[in-house]
Amino acid sequence: MVEAVLDDFRTAPISAREKAMFAFLEKMNRESSRLEKEDVQAVVAAGWTEEAVYDAITVCSLFNFYNKWIDATGVSDMPAAAYEASGQRLAAFGYVPQPPPAG
């Protein structure tokens, strides 16, 4: 499913609600200065809360920043094994940091 979304979210086997969010984020990435109130209203009408739209804007913006910072500073990408380990950690624990071991 991820490959289908990356290929074209419009034809991917995802809900209309998810397609609305991806359409909004696509416009945000391509022409953020042209976003209007109606763009947010369309995502909310598709079933998202304004808070969810705000969160999506924030996450998308941060990843745009990180990618540009990495490109400009020449920081190298992580090896595939590090992405795998990170994915497993996130799947198990989410983004909340684990408390330090006792003792």
PDB file of N, CA and C in Angstrom:
ATOM      1  N   MET A   1       0.811  -1.182   0.000  1.00  0.00           N
ATOM      2  CA  MET A   1       0.000   0.000   0.000  1.00  0.00           C
ATOM      3  C   MET A   1       0.865   1.261   0.000  1.00  0.00           C
ATOM      4  N   VAL A   2       1.965   1.241   0.736  1.00  0.00           N
ATOM      5  CA  VAL A   2       2.846   2.412   0.785  1.00  0.00           C
ATOM      6  C   VAL A   2       3.352   2.752  -0.614  1.00  0.00           C
ATOM      7  N   GLU A   3       3.763   1.741  -1.348  1.00  0.00           N
ATOM      8  CA  GLU A   3       4.244   1.979  -2.715  1.00  0.00           C
ATOM      9  C   GLU A   3       3.154   2.588  -3.579  1.00  0.00           C
ATOM     10  N   ALA A   4       1.919   2.112  -3.419  1.00  0.00           N
ATOM     11  CA  ALA A   4       0.800   2.650  -4.202  1.00  0.00           C
ATOM     12  C   ALA A   4       0.563   4.118  -3.861  1.00  0.00           C
ATOM     13  N   VAL A   5       0.656   4.466  -2.584  1.00  0.00           N
ATOM     14  CA  VAL A   5       0.470   5.861  -2.169  1.00  0.00           C
ATOM     15  C   VAL A   5       1.606   6.720  -2.709  1.00  0.00           C
ATOM     16  N   LEU A   6       2.834   6.223  -2.597  1.00  0.00           N
ATOM     17  CA  LEU A   6       3.967   6.990  -3.106  1.00  0.00           C
ATOM     18  C   LEU A   6       3.902   7.151  -4.620  1.00  0.00           C
ATOM     19  N   ASP A   7       3.393   6.139  -5.303  1.00  0.00           N
ATOM     20  CA  ASP A   7       3.268   6.208  -6.761  1.00  0.00           C
ATOM     21  C   ASP A   7       2.225   7.245  -7.157  1.00  0.00           C
ATOM     22  N   ASP A   8       1.036   7.168  -6.556  1.00  0.00           N
ATOM     23  CA  ASP A   8      -0.024   8.137  -6.816  1.00  0.00           C
ATOM     24  C   ASP A   8      -1.133   7.940  -5.793  1.00  0.00           C
ATOM     25  N   PHE A   9      -1.188   8.815  -4.818  1.00  0.00           N
ATOM     26  CA  PHE A   9      -2.172   8.648  -3.751  1.00  0.00           C
ATOM     27  C   PHE A   9      -3.606   8.672  -4.287  1.00  0.00           C
ATOM     28  N   ARG A  10      -3.813   9.331  -5.427  1.00  0.00           N
ATOM     29  CA  ARG A  10      -5.164   9.430  -5.996  1.00  0.00           C
ATOM     30  C   ARG A  10      -5.734   8.077  -6.418  1.00  0.00           C
ATOM     31  N   THR A  11      -4.851   7.164  -6.818  1.00  0.00           N
ATOM     32  CA  THR A  11      -5.308   5.845  -7.269  1.00  0.00           C
ATOM     33  C   THR A  11      -4.982   4.745  -6.265  1.00  0.00           C
ATOM     34  N   ALA A  12      -4.354   5.105  -5.162  1.00  0.00           N
ATOM     35  CA  ALA A  12      -3.976   4.122  -4.139  1.00  0.00           C
ATOM     36  C   ALA A  12      -5.222   3.601  -3.417  1.00  0.00           C
ATOM     37  N   PRO A  13      -5.141   2.393  -2.867  1.00  0.00           N
ATOM     38  CA  PRO A  13      -6.285   1.807  -2.153  1.00  0.00           C
ATOM     39  C   PRO A  13      -6.402   2.358  -0.718  1.00  0.00           C
ATOM     40  N   ILE A  14      -6.645   3.672  -0.635  1.00  0.00           N
ATOM     41  CA  ILE A  14      -6.827   4.337   0.655  1.00  0.00           C
ATOM     42  C   ILE A  14      -8.169   5.053   0.630  1.00  0.00           C
ATOM     43  N   SER A  15      -8.620   5.465   1.788  1.00  0.00           N
ATOM     44  CA  SER A  15      -9.936   6.101   1.897  1.00  0.00           C
ATOM     45  C   SER A  15      -9.950   7.494   1.261  1.00  0.00           C
ATOM     46  N   ALA A  16     -11.143   7.957   0.945  1.00  0.00           N
ATOM     47  CA  ALA A  16     -11.312   9.317   0.422  1.00  0.00           C
ATOM     48  C   ALA A  16     -10.821  10.334   1.456  1.00  0.00           C
ATOM     49  N   ARG A  17     -11.003  10.017   2.714  1.00  0.00           N
ATOM     50  CA  ARG A  17     -10.528  10.878   3.805  1.00  0.00           C
ATOM     51  C   ARG A  17      -9.014  11.040   3.729  1.00  0.00           C
ATOM     52  N   GLU A  18      -8.299   9.929   3.563  1.00  0.00           N
ATOM     53  CA  GLU A  18      -6.834   9.983   3.456  1.00  0.00           C
ATOM     54  C   GLU A  18      -6.409  10.695   2.176  1.00  0.00           C
ATOM     55  N   LYS A  19      -7.111  10.467   1.094  1.00  0.00           N
ATOM     56  CA  LYS A  19      -6.780  11.143  -0.167  1.00  0.00           C
ATOM     57  C   LYS A  19      -6.929  12.652  -0.033  1.00  0.00           C
ATOM     58  N   ALA A  20      -7.937  13.087   0.719  1.00  0.00           N
ATOM     59  CA  ALA A  20      -8.122  14.528   0.934  1.00  0.00           C
ATOM     60  C   ALA A  20      -6.926  15.134   1.666  1.00  0.00           C
ATOM     61  N   MET A  21      -6.439  14.429   2.669  1.00  0.00           N
ATOM     62  CA  MET A  21      -5.275  14.934   3.409  1.00  0.00           C
ATOM     63  C   MET A  21      -4.033  14.961   2.522  1.00  0.00           C
ATOM     64  N   PHE A  22      -3.817  13.893   1.752  1.00  0.00           N
ATOM     65  CA  PHE A  22      -2.656  13.874   0.861  1.00  0.00           C
ATOM     66  C   PHE A  22      -2.749  14.973  -0.192  1.00  0.00           C
ATOM     67  N   ALA A  23      -3.952  15.263  -0.689  1.00  0.00           N
ATOM     68  CA  ALA A  23      -4.119  16.345  -1.674  1.00  0.00           C
ATOM     69  C   ALA A  23      -3.756  17.687  -1.041  1.00  0.00           C
ATOM     70  N   PHE A  24      -4.194  17.890   0.191  1.00  0.00           N
ATOM     71  CA  PHE A  24      -3.854  19.119   0.906  1.00  0.00           C
ATOM     72  C   PHE A  24      -2.346  19.243   1.078  1.00  0.00           C
ATOM     73  N   LEU A  25      -1.704  18.149   1.518  1.00  0.00           N
ATOM     74  CA  LEU A  25      -0.252  18.182   1.742  1.00  0.00           C
ATOM     75  C   LEU A  25       0.513  18.362   0.432  1.00  0.00           C
ATOM     76  N   GLU A  26      -0.017  17.801  -0.637  1.00  0.00           N
ATOM     77  CA  GLU A  26       0.632  18.011  -1.936  1.00  0.00           C
ATOM     78  C   GLU A  26       0.605  19.495  -2.299  1.00  0.00           C
ATOM     79  N   LYS A  27      -0.556  20.133  -2.114  1.00  0.00           N
ATOM     80  CA  LYS A  27      -0.640  21.569  -2.411  1.00  0.00           C
ATOM     81  C   LYS A  27       0.282  22.351  -1.484  1.00  0.00           C
ATOM     82  N   MET A  28       0.336  21.948  -0.228  1.00  0.00           N
ATOM     83  CA  MET A  28       1.223  22.612   0.721  1.00  0.00           C
ATOM     84  C   MET A  28       2.682  22.535   0.248  1.00  0.00           C
ATOM     85  N   ASN A  29       3.093  21.369  -0.225  1.00  0.00           N
ATOM     86  CA  ASN A  29       4.472  21.190  -0.689  1.00  0.00           C
ATOM     87  C   ASN A  29       4.757  21.946  -1.974  1.00  0.00           C
ATOM     88  N   ARG A  30       3.798  21.994  -2.856  1.00  0.00           N
ATOM     89  CA  ARG A  30       4.040  22.584  -4.182  1.00  0.00           C
ATOM     90  C   ARG A  30       3.779  24.087  -4.239  1.00  0.00           C
ATOM     91  N   GLU A  31       2.778  24.534  -3.499  1.00  0.00           N
ATOM     92  CA  GLU A  31       2.394  25.943  -3.596  1.00  0.00           C
ATOM     93  C   GLU A  31       1.762  26.429  -2.282  1.00  0.00           C
ATOM     94  N   SER A  32       2.535  26.365  -1.221  1.00  0.00           N
ATOM     95  CA  SER A  32       2.016  26.707   0.106  1.00  0.00           C
ATOM     96  C   SER A  32       1.488  28.136   0.190  1.00  0.00           C
ATOM     97  N   SER A  33       2.043  29.046  -0.578  1.00  0.00           N
ATOM     98  CA  SER A  33       1.580  30.433  -0.533  1.00  0.00           C
ATOM     99  C   SER A  33       0.185  30.590  -1.135  1.00  0.00           C
ATOM    100  N   ARG A  34      -0.301  29.557  -1.796  1.00  0.00           N
ATOM    101  CA  ARG A  34      -1.633  29.619  -2.413  1.00  0.00           C
ATOM    102  C   ARG A  34      -2.691  28.856  -1.613  1.00  0.00           C
ATOM    103  N   LEU A  35      -2.315  28.321  -0.448  1.00  0.00           N
ATOM    104  CA  LEU A  35      -3.309  27.658   0.400  1.00  0.00           C
ATOM    105  C   LEU A  35      -4.320  28.691   0.880  1.00  0.00           C
ATOM    106  N   GLU A  36      -5.574  28.252   0.910  1.00  0.00           N
ATOM    107  CA  GLU A  36      -6.644  29.131   1.349  1.00  0.00           C
ATOM    108  C   GLU A  36      -7.497  28.435   2.399  1.00  0.00           C
ATOM    109  N   LYS A  37      -8.342  29.191   3.033  1.00  0.00           N
ATOM    110  CA  LYS A  37      -9.241  28.663   4.052  1.00  0.00           C
ATOM    111  C   LYS A  37     -10.039  27.470   3.510  1.00  0.00           C
ATOM    112  N   GLU A  38     -10.433  27.555   2.262  1.00  0.00           N
ATOM    113  CA  GLU A  38     -11.227  26.488   1.635  1.00  0.00           C
ATOM    114  C   GLU A  38     -10.455  25.174   1.542  1.00  0.00           C
ATOM    115  N   ASP A  39      -9.136  25.253   1.429  1.00  0.00           N
ATOM    116  CA  ASP A  39      -8.318  24.037   1.377  1.00  0.00           C
ATOM    117  C   ASP A  39      -8.408  23.289   2.709  1.00  0.00           C
ATOM    118  N   VAL A  40      -8.330  24.028   3.799  1.00  0.00           N
ATOM    119  CA  VAL A  40      -8.460  23.411   5.123  1.00  0.00           C
ATOM    120  C   VAL A  40      -9.888  22.897   5.305  1.00  0.00           C
ATOM    121  N   GLN A  41     -10.859  23.679   4.894  1.00  0.00           N
ATOM    122  CA  GLN A  41     -12.257  23.266   5.037  1.00  0.00           C
ATOM    123  C   GLN A  41     -12.540  21.966   4.288  1.00  0.00           C
ATOM    124  N   ALA A  42     -11.906  21.761   3.144  1.00  0.00           N
ATOM    125  CA  ALA A  42     -12.108  20.529   2.378  1.00  0.00           C
ATOM    126  C   ALA A  42     -11.586  19.318   3.143  1.00  0.00           C
ATOM    127  N   VAL A  43     -10.450  19.485   3.820  1.00  0.00           N
ATOM    128  CA  VAL A  43      -9.886  18.369   4.599  1.00  0.00           C
ATOM    129  C   VAL A  43     -10.772  18.082   5.815  1.00  0.00           C
ATOM    130  N   VAL A  44     -11.254  19.127   6.457  1.00  0.00           N
ATOM    131  CA  VAL A  44     -12.153  18.959   7.604  1.00  0.00           C
ATOM    132  C   VAL A  44     -13.456  18.301   7.146  1.00  0.00           C
ATOM    133  N   ALA A  45     -13.969  18.709   6.001  1.00  0.00           N
ATOM    134  CA  ALA A  45     -15.199  18.111   5.466  1.00  0.00           C
ATOM    135  C   ALA A  45     -15.016  16.631   5.146  1.00  0.00           C
ATOM    136  N   ALA A  46     -13.780  16.232   4.866  1.00  0.00           N
ATOM    137  CA  ALA A  46     -13.488  14.827   4.565  1.00  0.00           C
ATOM    138  C   ALA A  46     -13.397  13.979   5.829  1.00  0.00           C
ATOM    139  N   GLY A  47     -13.444  14.635   7.006  1.00  0.00           N
ATOM    140  CA  GLY A  47     -13.454  13.874   8.245  1.00  0.00           C
ATOM    141  C   GLY A  47     -12.293  14.108   9.192  1.00  0.00           C
ATOM    142  N   TRP A  48     -11.405  15.024   8.865  1.00  0.00           N
ATOM    143  CA  TRP A  48     -10.280  15.336   9.744  1.00  0.00           C
ATOM    144  C   TRP A  48     -10.641  16.499  10.643  1.00  0.00           C
ATOM    145  N   THR A  49     -10.041  16.564  11.814  1.00  0.00           N
ATOM    146  CA  THR A  49     -10.228  17.717  12.696  1.00  0.00           C
ATOM    147  C   THR A  49      -9.239  18.808  12.298  1.00  0.00           C
ATOM    148  N   GLU A  50      -9.526  20.018  12.740  1.00  0.00           N
ATOM    149  CA  GLU A  50      -8.573  21.104  12.493  1.00  0.00           C
ATOM    150  C   GLU A  50      -7.251  20.812  13.181  1.00  0.00           C
ATOM    151  N   GLU A  51      -7.305  20.169  14.339  1.00  0.00           N
ATOM    152  CA  GLU A  51      -6.070  19.798  15.039  1.00  0.00           C
ATOM    153  C   GLU A  51      -5.248  18.813  14.209  1.00  0.00           C
ATOM    154  N   ALA A  52      -5.908  17.854  13.562  1.00  0.00           N
ATOM    155  CA  ALA A  52      -5.197  16.892  12.722  1.00  0.00           C
ATOM    156  C   ALA A  52      -4.557  17.586  11.524  1.00  0.00           C
ATOM    157  N   VAL A  53      -5.251  18.556  10.949  1.00  0.00           N
ATOM    158  CA  VAL A  53      -4.684  19.314   9.827  1.00  0.00           C
ATOM    159  C   VAL A  53      -3.461  20.094  10.311  1.00  0.00           C
ATOM    160  N   TYR A  54      -3.574  20.724  11.469  1.00  0.00           N
ATOM    161  CA  TYR A  54      -2.444  21.457  12.053  1.00  0.00           C
ATOM    162  C   TYR A  54      -1.256  20.517  12.265  1.00  0.00           C
ATOM    163  N   ASP A  55      -1.526  19.328  12.829  1.00  0.00           N
ATOM    164  CA  ASP A  55      -0.453  18.356  13.051  1.00  0.00           C
ATOM    165  C   ASP A  55       0.195  17.937  11.732  1.00  0.00           C
ATOM    166  N   ALA A  56      -0.623  17.701  10.706  1.00  0.00           N
ATOM    167  CA  ALA A  56      -0.080  17.303   9.403  1.00  0.00           C
ATOM    168  C   ALA A  56       0.783  18.415   8.804  1.00  0.00           C
ATOM    169  N   ILE A  57       0.333  19.644   8.925  1.00  0.00           N
ATOM    170  CA  ILE A  57       1.121  20.789   8.445  1.00  0.00           C
ATOM    171  C   ILE A  57       2.458  20.839   9.176  1.00  0.00           C
ATOM    172  N   THR A  58       2.422  20.647  10.480  1.00  0.00           N
ATOM    173  CA  THR A  58       3.634  20.717  11.285  1.00  0.00           C
ATOM    174  C   THR A  58       4.611  19.613  10.912  1.00  0.00           C
ATOM    175  N   VAL A  59       4.131  18.392  10.814  1.00  0.00           N
ATOM    176  CA  VAL A  59       5.013  17.267  10.471  1.00  0.00           C
ATOM    177  C   VAL A  59       5.594  17.456   9.074  1.00  0.00           C
ATOM    178  N   CYS A  60       4.763  17.818   8.132  1.00  0.00           N
ATOM    179  CA  CYS A  60       5.239  18.029   6.763  1.00  0.00           C
ATOM    180  C   CYS A  60       6.284  19.139   6.720  1.00  0.00           C
ATOM    181  N   SER A  61       6.036  20.226   7.435  1.00  0.00           N
ATOM    182  CA  SER A  61       6.986  21.346   7.465  1.00  0.00           C
ATOM    183  C   SER A  61       8.315  20.935   8.072  1.00  0.00           C
ATOM    184  N   LEU A  62       8.247  20.187   9.163  1.00  0.00           N
ATOM    185  CA  LEU A  62       9.487  19.753   9.807  1.00  0.00           C
ATOM    186  C   LEU A  62      10.299  18.840   8.903  1.00  0.00           C
ATOM    187  N   PHE A  63       9.643  17.916   8.218  1.00  0.00           N
ATOM    188  CA  PHE A  63      10.387  17.033   7.317  1.00  0.00           C
ATOM    189  C   PHE A  63      10.963  17.811   6.140  1.00  0.00           C
ATOM    190  N   ASN A  64      10.250  18.815   5.649  1.00  0.00           N
ATOM    191  CA  ASN A  64      10.819  19.668   4.599  1.00  0.00           C
ATOM    192  C   ASN A  64      12.073  20.373   5.116  1.00  0.00           C
ATOM    193  N   PHE A  65      11.997  20.900   6.342  1.00  0.00           N
ATOM    194  CA  PHE A  65      13.153  21.549   6.939  1.00  0.00           C
ATOM    195  C   PHE A  65      14.315  20.580   7.077  1.00  0.00           C
ATOM    196  N   TYR A  66      14.043  19.407   7.659  1.00  0.00           N
ATOM    197  CA  TYR A  66      15.116  18.427   7.864  1.00  0.00           C
ATOM    198  C   TYR A  66      15.764  18.032   6.544  1.00  0.00           C
ATOM    199  N   ASN A  67      14.956  17.781   5.530  1.00  0.00           N
ATOM    200  CA  ASN A  67      15.513  17.375   4.229  1.00  0.00           C
ATOM    201  C   ASN A  67      16.377  18.473   3.629  1.00  0.00           C
ATOM    202  N   LYS A  68      15.936  19.706   3.707  1.00  0.00           N
ATOM    203  CA  LYS A  68      16.737  20.805   3.158  1.00  0.00           C
ATOM    204  C   LYS A  68      18.013  21.016   3.969  1.00  0.00           C
ATOM    205  N   TRP A  69      17.911  20.885   5.292  1.00  0.00           N
ATOM    206  CA  TRP A  69      19.091  21.027   6.141  1.00  0.00           C
ATOM    207  C   TRP A  69      20.105  19.937   5.827  1.00  0.00           C
ATOM    208  N   ILE A  70      19.632  18.710   5.688  1.00  0.00           N
ATOM    209  CA  ILE A  70      20.526  17.588   5.372  1.00  0.00           C
ATOM    210  C   ILE A  70      21.191  17.805   4.012  1.00  0.00           C
ATOM    211  N   ASP A  71      20.398  18.220   3.022  1.00  0.00           N
ATOM    212  CA  ASP A  71      20.959  18.462   1.690  1.00  0.00           C
ATOM    213  C   ASP A  71      22.024  19.560   1.727  1.00  0.00           C
ATOM    214  N   ALA A  72      21.736  20.635   2.436  1.00  0.00           N
ATOM    215  CA  ALA A  72      22.644  21.786   2.447  1.00  0.00           C
ATOM    216  C   ALA A  72      23.903  21.544   3.266  1.00  0.00           C
ATOM    217  N   THR A  73      23.824  20.747   4.322  1.00  0.00           N
ATOM    218  CA  THR A  73      24.991  20.523   5.177  1.00  0.00           C
ATOM    219  C   THR A  73      25.815  19.328   4.758  1.00  0.00           C
ATOM    220  N   GLY A  74      25.262  18.503   3.887  1.00  0.00           N
ATOM    221  CA  GLY A  74      25.998  17.328   3.442  1.00  0.00           C
ATOM    222  C   GLY A  74      25.963  16.174   4.423  1.00  0.00           C
ATOM    223  N   VAL A  75      25.049  16.236   5.392  1.00  0.00           N
ATOM    224  CA  VAL A  75      24.916  15.127   6.332  1.00  0.00           C
ATOM    225  C   VAL A  75      24.505  13.891   5.539  1.00  0.00           C
ATOM    226  N   SER A  76      25.161  12.776   5.821  1.00  0.00           N
ATOM    227  CA  SER A  76      24.864  11.575   5.040  1.00  0.00           C
ATOM    228  C   SER A  76      23.636  10.858   5.589  1.00  0.00           C
ATOM    229  N   ASP A  77      23.026  10.122   4.715  1.00  0.00           N
ATOM    230  CA  ASP A  77      21.845   9.334   5.045  1.00  0.00           C
ATOM    231  C   ASP A  77      22.221   8.166   5.951  1.00  0.00           C
ATOM    232  N   MET A  78      21.246   7.678   6.723  1.00  0.00           N
ATOM    233  CA  MET A  78      21.494   6.503   7.563  1.00  0.00           C
ATOM    234  C   MET A  78      21.512   5.252   6.692  1.00  0.00           C
ATOM    235  N   PRO A  79      22.228   4.222   7.107  1.00  0.00           N
ATOM    236  CA  PRO A  79      22.172   2.957   6.374  1.00  0.00           C
ATOM    237  C   PRO A  79      20.798   2.316   6.555  1.00  0.00           C
ATOM    238  N   ALA A  80      20.430   1.422   5.634  1.00  0.00           N
ATOM    239  CA  ALA A  80      19.118   0.772   5.657  1.00  0.00           C
ATOM    240  C   ALA A  80      18.849   0.076   6.990  1.00  0.00           C
ATOM    241  N   ALA A  81      19.863  -0.532   7.590  1.00  0.00           N
ATOM    242  CA  ALA A  81      19.679  -1.234   8.862  1.00  0.00           C
ATOM    243  C   ALA A  81      19.262  -0.263   9.971  1.00  0.00           C
ATOM    244  N   ALA A  82      19.759   0.953   9.945  1.00  0.00           N
ATOM    245  CA  ALA A  82      19.390   1.943  10.957  1.00  0.00           C
ATOM    246  C   ALA A  82      17.928   2.355  10.795  1.00  0.00           C
ATOM    247  N   TYR A  83      17.470   2.492   9.537  1.00  0.00           N
ATOM    248  CA  TYR A  83      16.055   2.794   9.305  1.00  0.00           C
ATOM    249  C   TYR A  83      15.175   1.650   9.805  1.00  0.00           C
ATOM    250  N   GLU A  84      15.607   0.426   9.567  1.00  0.00           N
ATOM    251  CA  GLU A  84      14.858  -0.748  10.027  1.00  0.00           C
ATOM    252  C   GLU A  84      14.756  -0.745  11.551  1.00  0.00           C
ATOM    253  N   ALA A  85      15.864  -0.514  12.225  1.00  0.00           N
ATOM    254  CA  ALA A  85      15.862  -0.485  13.693  1.00  0.00           C
ATOM    255  C   ALA A  85      14.987   0.656  14.212  1.00  0.00           C
ATOM    256  N   SER A  86      15.062   1.804  13.580  1.00  0.00           N
ATOM    257  CA  SER A  86      14.249   2.945  13.984  1.00  0.00           C
ATOM    258  C   SER A  86      12.766   2.642  13.790  1.00  0.00           C
ATOM    259  N   GLY A  87      12.418   2.015  12.682  1.00  0.00           N
ATOM    260  CA  GLY A  87      11.027   1.652  12.423  1.00  0.00           C
ATOM    261  C   GLY A  87      10.492   0.677  13.457  1.00  0.00           C
ATOM    262  N   GLN A  88      11.316  -0.291  13.831  1.00  0.00           N
ATOM    263  CA  GLN A  88      10.893  -1.253  14.847  1.00  0.00           C
ATOM    264  C   GLN A  88      10.700  -0.571  16.196  1.00  0.00           C
ATOM    265  N   ARG A  89      11.604   0.341  16.540  1.00  0.00           N
ATOM    266  CA  ARG A  89      11.480   1.065  17.798  1.00  0.00           C
ATOM    267  C   ARG A  89      10.228   1.926  17.814  1.00  0.00           C
ATOM    268  N   LEU A  90       9.975   2.635  16.708  1.00  0.00           N
ATOM    269  CA  LEU A  90       8.787   3.482  16.635  1.00  0.00           C
ATOM    270  C   LEU A  90       7.509   2.656  16.681  1.00  0.00           C
ATOM    271  N   ALA A  91       7.513   1.506  16.016  1.00  0.00           N
ATOM    272  CA  ALA A  91       6.329   0.641  16.028  1.00  0.00           C
ATOM    273  C   ALA A  91       6.051   0.124  17.435  1.00  0.00           C
ATOM    274  N   ALA A  92       7.095  -0.146  18.182  1.00  0.00           N
ATOM    275  CA  ALA A  92       6.932  -0.693  19.533  1.00  0.00           C
ATOM    276  C   ALA A  92       6.634   0.378  20.574  1.00  0.00           C
ATOM    277  N   PHE A  93       7.268   1.551  20.441  1.00  0.00           N
ATOM    278  CA  PHE A  93       7.197   2.549  21.516  1.00  0.00           C
ATOM    279  C   PHE A  93       6.657   3.909  21.082  1.00  0.00           C
ATOM    280  N   GLY A  94       6.506   4.150  19.795  1.00  0.00           N
ATOM    281  CA  GLY A  94       6.066   5.457  19.328  1.00  0.00           C
ATOM    282  C   GLY A  94       7.175   6.484  19.473  1.00  0.00           C
ATOM    283  N   TYR A  95       6.805   7.749  19.527  1.00  0.00           N
ATOM    284  CA  TYR A  95       7.783   8.828  19.600  1.00  0.00           C
ATOM    285  C   TYR A  95       8.119   9.237  21.029  1.00  0.00           C
ATOM    286  N   VAL A  96       7.459   8.623  22.000  1.00  0.00           N
ATOM    287  CA  VAL A  96       7.712   8.970  23.390  1.00  0.00           C
ATOM    288  C   VAL A  96       9.020   8.336  23.829  1.00  0.00           C
ATOM    289  N   PRO A  97       9.955   9.114  24.357  1.00  0.00           N
ATOM    290  CA  PRO A  97      11.225   8.531  24.781  1.00  0.00           C
ATOM    291  C   PRO A  97      11.024   7.574  25.956  1.00  0.00           C
ATOM    292  N   GLN A  98      11.807   6.547  25.965  1.00  0.00           N
ATOM    293  CA  GLN A  98      11.733   5.575  27.045  1.00  0.00           C
ATOM    294  C   GLN A  98      12.476   6.107  28.261  1.00  0.00           C
ATOM    295  N   PRO A  99      11.952   5.833  29.466  1.00  0.00           N
ATOM    296  CA  PRO A  99      12.661   6.297  30.660  1.00  0.00           C
ATOM    297  C   PRO A  99      13.999   5.568  30.792  1.00  0.00           C
ATOM    298  N   PRO A 100      14.966   6.225  31.419  1.00  0.00           N
ATOM    299  CA  PRO A 100      16.275   5.551  31.599  1.00  0.00           C
ATOM    300  C   PRO A 100      16.120   4.338  32.494  1.00  0.00           C
ATOM    301  N   PRO A 101      16.969   3.339  32.319  1.00  0.00           N
ATOM    302  CA  PRO A 101      16.898   2.155  33.162  1.00  0.00           C
ATOM    303  C   PRO A 101      17.114   2.521  34.628  1.00  0.00           C
ATOM    304  N   ALA A 102      16.414   1.821  35.488  1.00  0.00           N
ATOM    305  CA  ALA A 102      16.547   2.067  36.925  1.00  0.00           C
ATOM    306  C   ALA A 102      17.929   1.611  37.412  1.00  0.00           C
ATOM    307  N   GLY A 103      18.447   2.314  38.359  1.00  0.00           N
ATOM    308  CA  GLY A 103      19.690   1.848  38.969  1.00  0.00           C
ATOM    309  C   GLY A 103      20.815   2.656  38.655  1.00  0.00           C
TER     310      GLY A 103
END
